[in-house]
Amino acid sequence: MKKPYFAHTARTGGTSIRKGWGRVAVEGEFTKHEYDPPDGAWIYTWVRHPVDRALSFWKFTEDAEGGTFEDWVLSGRINRIETAGTGTPLMAPMSDVWASSAAWVGRFEQRADDLLALSHILGRSVPTDHVYRTHDAGLVTNKARSELERIYADDFHRFGYQ
């Protein structure tokens, strides 16, 4: 197997893997929102339902500042925070960032099964110590959902999200 490279896509539960193994358990394997895998690497990543991912990001960055989730989505603030040094929005569509080039893609929604599958592929356990939170779907208005469906249309289609 080629050297594994964990491509951490923001707000998809990747912190669980990174923390579970330690910051750098295998040289070069882990990144924190970096977009430059070594040549020939076996890339793996995680995806998450675009609405839940957006809610998670809003709770992480904006909720403390006030305003509604709908205002945040409709104002475009969802894509104004960039990944350090890349010019890429931290909340870029997952299919634009890693999922199109990854050899393996795990789903946040089926993380227990996918962590087990990844453990078998890598030949070692993939521990997780991250606390997974669900978010109040009542915060998502029809307008906010429609805008997220527009922004993340490729993610909805590629990963079969409804």
C-alpha atoms as a PDB file:
ATOM      1  CA  MET A   1       0.000   0.000   0.000  1.00  0.00           C
ATOM      2  CA  LYS A   2       1.129   3.535  -0.714  1.00  0.00           C
ATOM      3  CA  LYS A   3       1.779   5.785   2.267  1.00  0.00           C
ATOM      4  CA  PRO A   4      -1.577   6.820   3.767  1.00  0.00           C
ATOM      5  CA  TYR A   5      -2.415  10.522   3.817  1.00  0.00           C
ATOM      6  CA  PHE A   6      -5.349  11.783   5.840  1.00  0.00           C
ATOM      7  CA  ALA A   7      -6.897  14.745   4.061  1.00  0.00           C
ATOM      8  CA  HIS A   8      -8.781  16.587   6.786  1.00  0.00           C
ATOM      9  CA  THR A   9     -11.817  18.344   5.396  1.00  0.00           C
ATOM     10  CA  ALA A  10     -13.252  20.918   7.810  1.00  0.00           C
ATOM     11  CA  ARG A  11     -16.215  19.939  10.009  1.00  0.00           C
ATOM     12  CA  THR A  12     -16.440  16.300   8.898  1.00  0.00           C
ATOM     13  CA  GLY A  13     -15.234  14.605  12.097  1.00  0.00           C
ATOM     14  CA  GLY A  14     -11.592  14.302  11.058  1.00  0.00           C
ATOM     15  CA  THR A  15     -10.418  15.732  14.370  1.00  0.00           C
ATOM     16  CA  SER A  16     -11.489  12.416  15.900  1.00  0.00           C
ATOM     17  CA  ILE A  17      -8.986  10.510  13.840  1.00  0.00           C
ATOM     18  CA  ARG A  18      -6.215  13.047  14.264  1.00  0.00           C
ATOM     19  CA  LYS A  19      -6.672  13.240  18.043  1.00  0.00           C
ATOM     20  CA  GLY A  20      -7.158   9.502  18.387  1.00  0.00           C
ATOM     21  CA  TRP A  21      -3.824   8.706  16.792  1.00  0.00           C
ATOM     22  CA  GLY A  22      -1.984  11.719  18.108  1.00  0.00           C
ATOM     23  CA  ARG A  23      -0.979  14.786  16.175  1.00  0.00           C
ATOM     24  CA  VAL A  24       1.582  13.018  14.008  1.00  0.00           C
ATOM     25  CA  ALA A  25       1.490   9.283  14.560  1.00  0.00           C
ATOM     26  CA  VAL A  26       2.858   8.452  11.133  1.00  0.00           C
ATOM     27  CA  GLU A  27       5.146  10.993   9.551  1.00  0.00           C
ATOM     28  CA  GLY A  28       3.354  12.972   6.874  1.00  0.00           C
ATOM     29  CA  GLU A  29       0.078  11.176   7.320  1.00  0.00           C
ATOM     30  CA  PHE A  30      -1.911  13.891   9.035  1.00  0.00           C
ATOM     31  CA  THR A  31      -2.786  17.370   7.992  1.00  0.00           C
ATOM     32  CA  LYS A  32      -4.955  20.030   9.445  1.00  0.00           C
ATOM     33  CA  HIS A  33      -6.736  21.574   6.503  1.00  0.00           C
ATOM     34  CA  GLU A  34      -3.689  21.442   4.246  1.00  0.00           C
ATOM     35  CA  TYR A  35      -3.988  20.717   0.552  1.00  0.00           C
ATOM     36  CA  ASP A  36      -0.656  19.345  -0.558  1.00  0.00           C
ATOM     37  CA  PRO A  37      -0.417  15.549  -0.268  1.00  0.00           C
ATOM     38  CA  PRO A  38       2.913  13.920  -1.101  1.00  0.00           C
ATOM     39  CA  ASP A  39       3.263  12.402  -4.568  1.00  0.00           C
ATOM     40  CA  GLY A  40       1.914   8.880  -4.758  1.00  0.00           C
ATOM     41  CA  ALA A  41       0.073   9.026  -1.434  1.00  0.00           C
ATOM     42  CA  TRP A  42      -3.003   6.920  -0.687  1.00  0.00           C
ATOM     43  CA  ILE A  43      -5.458   9.706   0.198  1.00  0.00           C
ATOM     44  CA  TYR A  44      -8.403   9.139   2.487  1.00  0.00           C
ATOM     45  CA  THR A  45     -10.926  11.631   3.804  1.00  0.00           C
ATOM     46  CA  TRP A  46     -14.367  12.080   5.376  1.00  0.00           C
ATOM     47  CA  VAL A  47     -17.545  13.729   4.151  1.00  0.00           C
ATOM     48  CA  ARG A  48     -20.598  14.915   6.070  1.00  0.00           C
ATOM     49  CA  HIS A  49     -24.118  15.933   5.103  1.00  0.00           C
ATOM     50  CA  PRO A  50     -23.711  19.485   3.784  1.00  0.00           C
ATOM     51  CA  VAL A  51     -26.457  20.960   5.988  1.00  0.00           C
ATOM     52  CA  ASP A  52     -25.109  19.356   9.161  1.00  0.00           C
ATOM     53  CA  ARG A  53     -21.574  20.366   8.174  1.00  0.00           C
ATOM     54  CA  ALA A  54     -22.714  23.976   7.684  1.00  0.00           C
ATOM     55  CA  LEU A  55     -24.551  23.957  11.033  1.00  0.00           C
ATOM     56  CA  SER A  56     -21.431  22.627  12.730  1.00  0.00           C
ATOM     57  CA  PHE A  57     -19.300  25.351  11.172  1.00  0.00           C
ATOM     58  CA  TRP A  58     -21.805  28.062  12.122  1.00  0.00           C
ATOM     59  CA  LYS A  59     -21.883  26.840  15.725  1.00  0.00           C
ATOM     60  CA  PHE A  60     -18.083  26.758  15.724  1.00  0.00           C
ATOM     61  CA  THR A  61     -17.541  30.242  14.270  1.00  0.00           C
ATOM     62  CA  GLU A  62     -20.604  32.431  14.276  1.00  0.00           C
ATOM     63  CA  ASP A  63     -23.154  31.419  16.875  1.00  0.00           C
ATOM     64  CA  ALA A  64     -21.380  33.342  19.638  1.00  0.00           C
ATOM     65  CA  GLU A  65     -21.528  36.545  17.563  1.00  0.00           C
ATOM     66  CA  GLY A  66     -25.294  36.461  17.260  1.00  0.00           C
ATOM     67  CA  GLY A  67     -27.426  36.389  14.150  1.00  0.00           C
ATOM     68  CA  THR A  68     -29.324  33.499  12.705  1.00  0.00           C
ATOM     69  CA  PHE A  69     -28.069  30.544  10.739  1.00  0.00           C
ATOM     70  CA  GLU A  70     -30.172  31.727   7.792  1.00  0.00           C
ATOM     71  CA  ASP A  71     -28.568  35.186   7.861  1.00  0.00           C
ATOM     72  CA  TRP A  72     -25.112  33.617   7.968  1.00  0.00           C
ATOM     73  CA  VAL A  73     -25.794  31.341   4.997  1.00  0.00           C
ATOM     74  CA  LEU A  74     -27.581  33.938   2.863  1.00  0.00           C
ATOM     75  CA  SER A  75     -24.943  36.622   3.533  1.00  0.00           C
ATOM     76  CA  GLY A  76     -22.198  34.417   2.086  1.00  0.00           C
ATOM     77  CA  ARG A  77     -20.181  34.407   5.324  1.00  0.00           C
ATOM     78  CA  ILE A  78     -20.107  30.611   5.081  1.00  0.00           C
ATOM     79  CA  ASN A  79     -17.391  30.902   2.413  1.00  0.00           C
ATOM     80  CA  ARG A  80     -15.430  33.911   3.632  1.00  0.00           C
ATOM     81  CA  ILE A  81     -13.094  32.089   5.995  1.00  0.00           C
ATOM     82  CA  GLU A  82     -10.174  30.682   4.036  1.00  0.00           C
ATOM     83  CA  THR A  83      -7.930  27.759   4.725  1.00  0.00           C
ATOM     84  CA  ALA A  84      -4.598  29.207   5.832  1.00  0.00           C
ATOM     85  CA  GLY A  85      -2.317  29.991   2.935  1.00  0.00           C
ATOM     86  CA  THR A  86      -4.451  28.367   0.227  1.00  0.00           C
ATOM     87  CA  GLY A  87      -7.045  30.904  -0.818  1.00  0.00           C
ATOM     88  CA  THR A  88      -9.554  28.034  -0.609  1.00  0.00           C
ATOM     89  CA  PRO A  89     -12.675  28.616   1.503  1.00  0.00           C
ATOM     90  CA  LEU A  90     -12.610  26.396   4.582  1.00  0.00           C
ATOM     91  CA  MET A  91     -16.168  25.358   3.755  1.00  0.00           C
ATOM     92  CA  ALA A  92     -15.563  24.685   0.060  1.00  0.00           C
ATOM     93  CA  PRO A  93     -17.694  21.870  -1.349  1.00  0.00           C
ATOM     94  CA  MET A  94     -16.225  18.537  -0.269  1.00  0.00           C
ATOM     95  CA  SER A  95     -16.248  17.280  -3.847  1.00  0.00           C
ATOM     96  CA  ASP A  96     -14.025  20.242  -4.831  1.00  0.00           C
ATOM     97  CA  VAL A  97     -11.463  19.661  -2.094  1.00  0.00           C
ATOM     98  CA  TRP A  98     -10.629  15.990  -1.538  1.00  0.00           C
ATOM     99  CA  ALA A  99     -13.399  13.638  -2.357  1.00  0.00           C
ATOM    100  CA  SER A 100     -12.718  13.621  -6.086  1.00  0.00           C
ATOM    101  CA  SER A 101      -9.095  12.521  -5.620  1.00  0.00           C
ATOM    102  CA  ALA A 102      -9.361  10.367  -2.492  1.00  0.00           C
ATOM    103  CA  ALA A 103      -8.873   6.625  -2.753  1.00  0.00           C
ATOM    104  CA  TRP A 104     -11.256   6.134   0.169  1.00  0.00           C
ATOM    105  CA  VAL A 105     -14.056   8.351   1.492  1.00  0.00           C
ATOM    106  CA  GLY A 106     -15.713   7.766   4.857  1.00  0.00           C
ATOM    107  CA  ARG A 107     -19.076   9.216   5.816  1.00  0.00           C
ATOM    108  CA  PHE A 108     -19.621  11.042   9.093  1.00  0.00           C
ATOM    109  CA  GLU A 109     -23.116   9.591   9.329  1.00  0.00           C
ATOM    110  CA  GLN A 110     -21.846   6.003   9.319  1.00  0.00           C
ATOM    111  CA  ARG A 111     -18.591   6.695  11.160  1.00  0.00           C
ATOM    112  CA  ALA A 112     -18.606   3.556  13.324  1.00  0.00           C
ATOM    113  CA  ASP A 113     -18.780   1.241  10.315  1.00  0.00           C
ATOM    114  CA  ASP A 114     -16.413   3.361   8.254  1.00  0.00           C
ATOM    115  CA  LEU A 115     -13.830   3.603  11.057  1.00  0.00           C
ATOM    116  CA  LEU A 116     -13.863  -0.183  11.252  1.00  0.00           C
ATOM    117  CA  ALA A 117     -13.448  -0.474   7.478  1.00  0.00           C
ATOM    118  CA  LEU A 118     -10.590   2.041   7.526  1.00  0.00           C
ATOM    119  CA  SER A 119      -8.916   0.117  10.343  1.00  0.00           C
ATOM    120  CA  HIS A 120      -8.940  -3.024   8.188  1.00  0.00           C
ATOM    121  CA  ILE A 121      -7.582  -1.168   5.162  1.00  0.00           C
ATOM    122  CA  LEU A 122      -4.752   0.454   7.121  1.00  0.00           C
ATOM    123  CA  GLY A 123      -4.002  -2.648   9.192  1.00  0.00           C
ATOM    124  CA  ARG A 124      -4.308  -0.860  12.521  1.00  0.00           C
ATOM    125  CA  SER A 125      -7.074   0.438  14.749  1.00  0.00           C
ATOM    126  CA  VAL A 126      -8.430   3.897  14.131  1.00  0.00           C
ATOM    127  CA  PRO A 127      -9.394   5.202  17.570  1.00  0.00           C
ATOM    128  CA  THR A 128     -11.707   8.127  18.097  1.00  0.00           C
ATOM    129  CA  ASP A 129     -12.086  10.332  21.124  1.00  0.00           C
ATOM    130  CA  HIS A 130     -14.016  13.190  19.572  1.00  0.00           C
ATOM    131  CA  VAL A 131     -17.440  14.079  20.915  1.00  0.00           C
ATOM    132  CA  TYR A 132     -19.915  14.094  18.068  1.00  0.00           C
ATOM    133  CA  ARG A 133     -22.664  16.614  18.430  1.00  0.00           C
ATOM    134  CA  THR A 134     -25.903  16.778  16.570  1.00  0.00           C
ATOM    135  CA  HIS A 135     -27.324  20.190  15.807  1.00  0.00           C
ATOM    136  CA  ASP A 136     -30.837  21.498  15.997  1.00  0.00           C
ATOM    137  CA  ALA A 137     -32.291  20.990  12.538  1.00  0.00           C
ATOM    138  CA  GLY A 138     -34.952  23.547  13.530  1.00  0.00           C
ATOM    139  CA  LEU A 139     -32.357  26.240  12.888  1.00  0.00           C
ATOM    140  CA  VAL A 140     -32.436  25.440   9.167  1.00  0.00           C
ATOM    141  CA  THR A 141     -35.055  27.477   7.346  1.00  0.00           C
ATOM    142  CA  ASN A 142     -36.263  26.641   3.855  1.00  0.00           C
ATOM    143  CA  LYS A 143     -34.305  29.628   2.481  1.00  0.00           C
ATOM    144  CA  ALA A 144     -31.081  28.512   4.197  1.00  0.00           C
ATOM    145  CA  ARG A 145     -31.516  24.922   3.023  1.00  0.00           C
ATOM    146  CA  SER A 146     -32.190  26.033  -0.564  1.00  0.00           C
ATOM    147  CA  GLU A 147     -29.023  28.133  -0.564  1.00  0.00           C
ATOM    148  CA  LEU A 148     -26.978  25.271   0.891  1.00  0.00           C
ATOM    149  CA  GLU A 149     -28.402  22.927  -1.751  1.00  0.00           C
ATOM    150  CA  ARG A 150     -27.246  25.424  -4.391  1.00  0.00           C
ATOM    151  CA  ILE A 151     -23.762  25.909  -2.893  1.00  0.00           C
ATOM    152  CA  TYR A 152     -23.219  22.201  -2.274  1.00  0.00           C
ATOM    153  CA  ALA A 153     -25.169  20.743  -5.229  1.00  0.00           C
ATOM    154  CA  ASP A 154     -22.225  18.548  -6.247  1.00  0.00           C
ATOM    155  CA  ASP A 155     -21.863  17.186  -2.703  1.00  0.00           C
ATOM    156  CA  PHE A 156     -25.573  16.360  -2.475  1.00  0.00           C
ATOM    157  CA  HIS A 157     -25.368  14.549  -5.804  1.00  0.00           C
ATOM    158  CA  ARG A 158     -21.990  12.803  -5.464  1.00  0.00           C
ATOM    159  CA  PHE A 159     -22.582  11.474  -1.963  1.00  0.00           C
ATOM    160  CA  GLY A 160     -26.319  10.804  -2.269  1.00  0.00           C
ATOM    161  CA  TYR A 161     -27.456  13.240   0.386  1.00  0.00           C
ATOM    162  CA  GLN A 162     -31.101  14.319   0.514  1.00  0.00           C
END
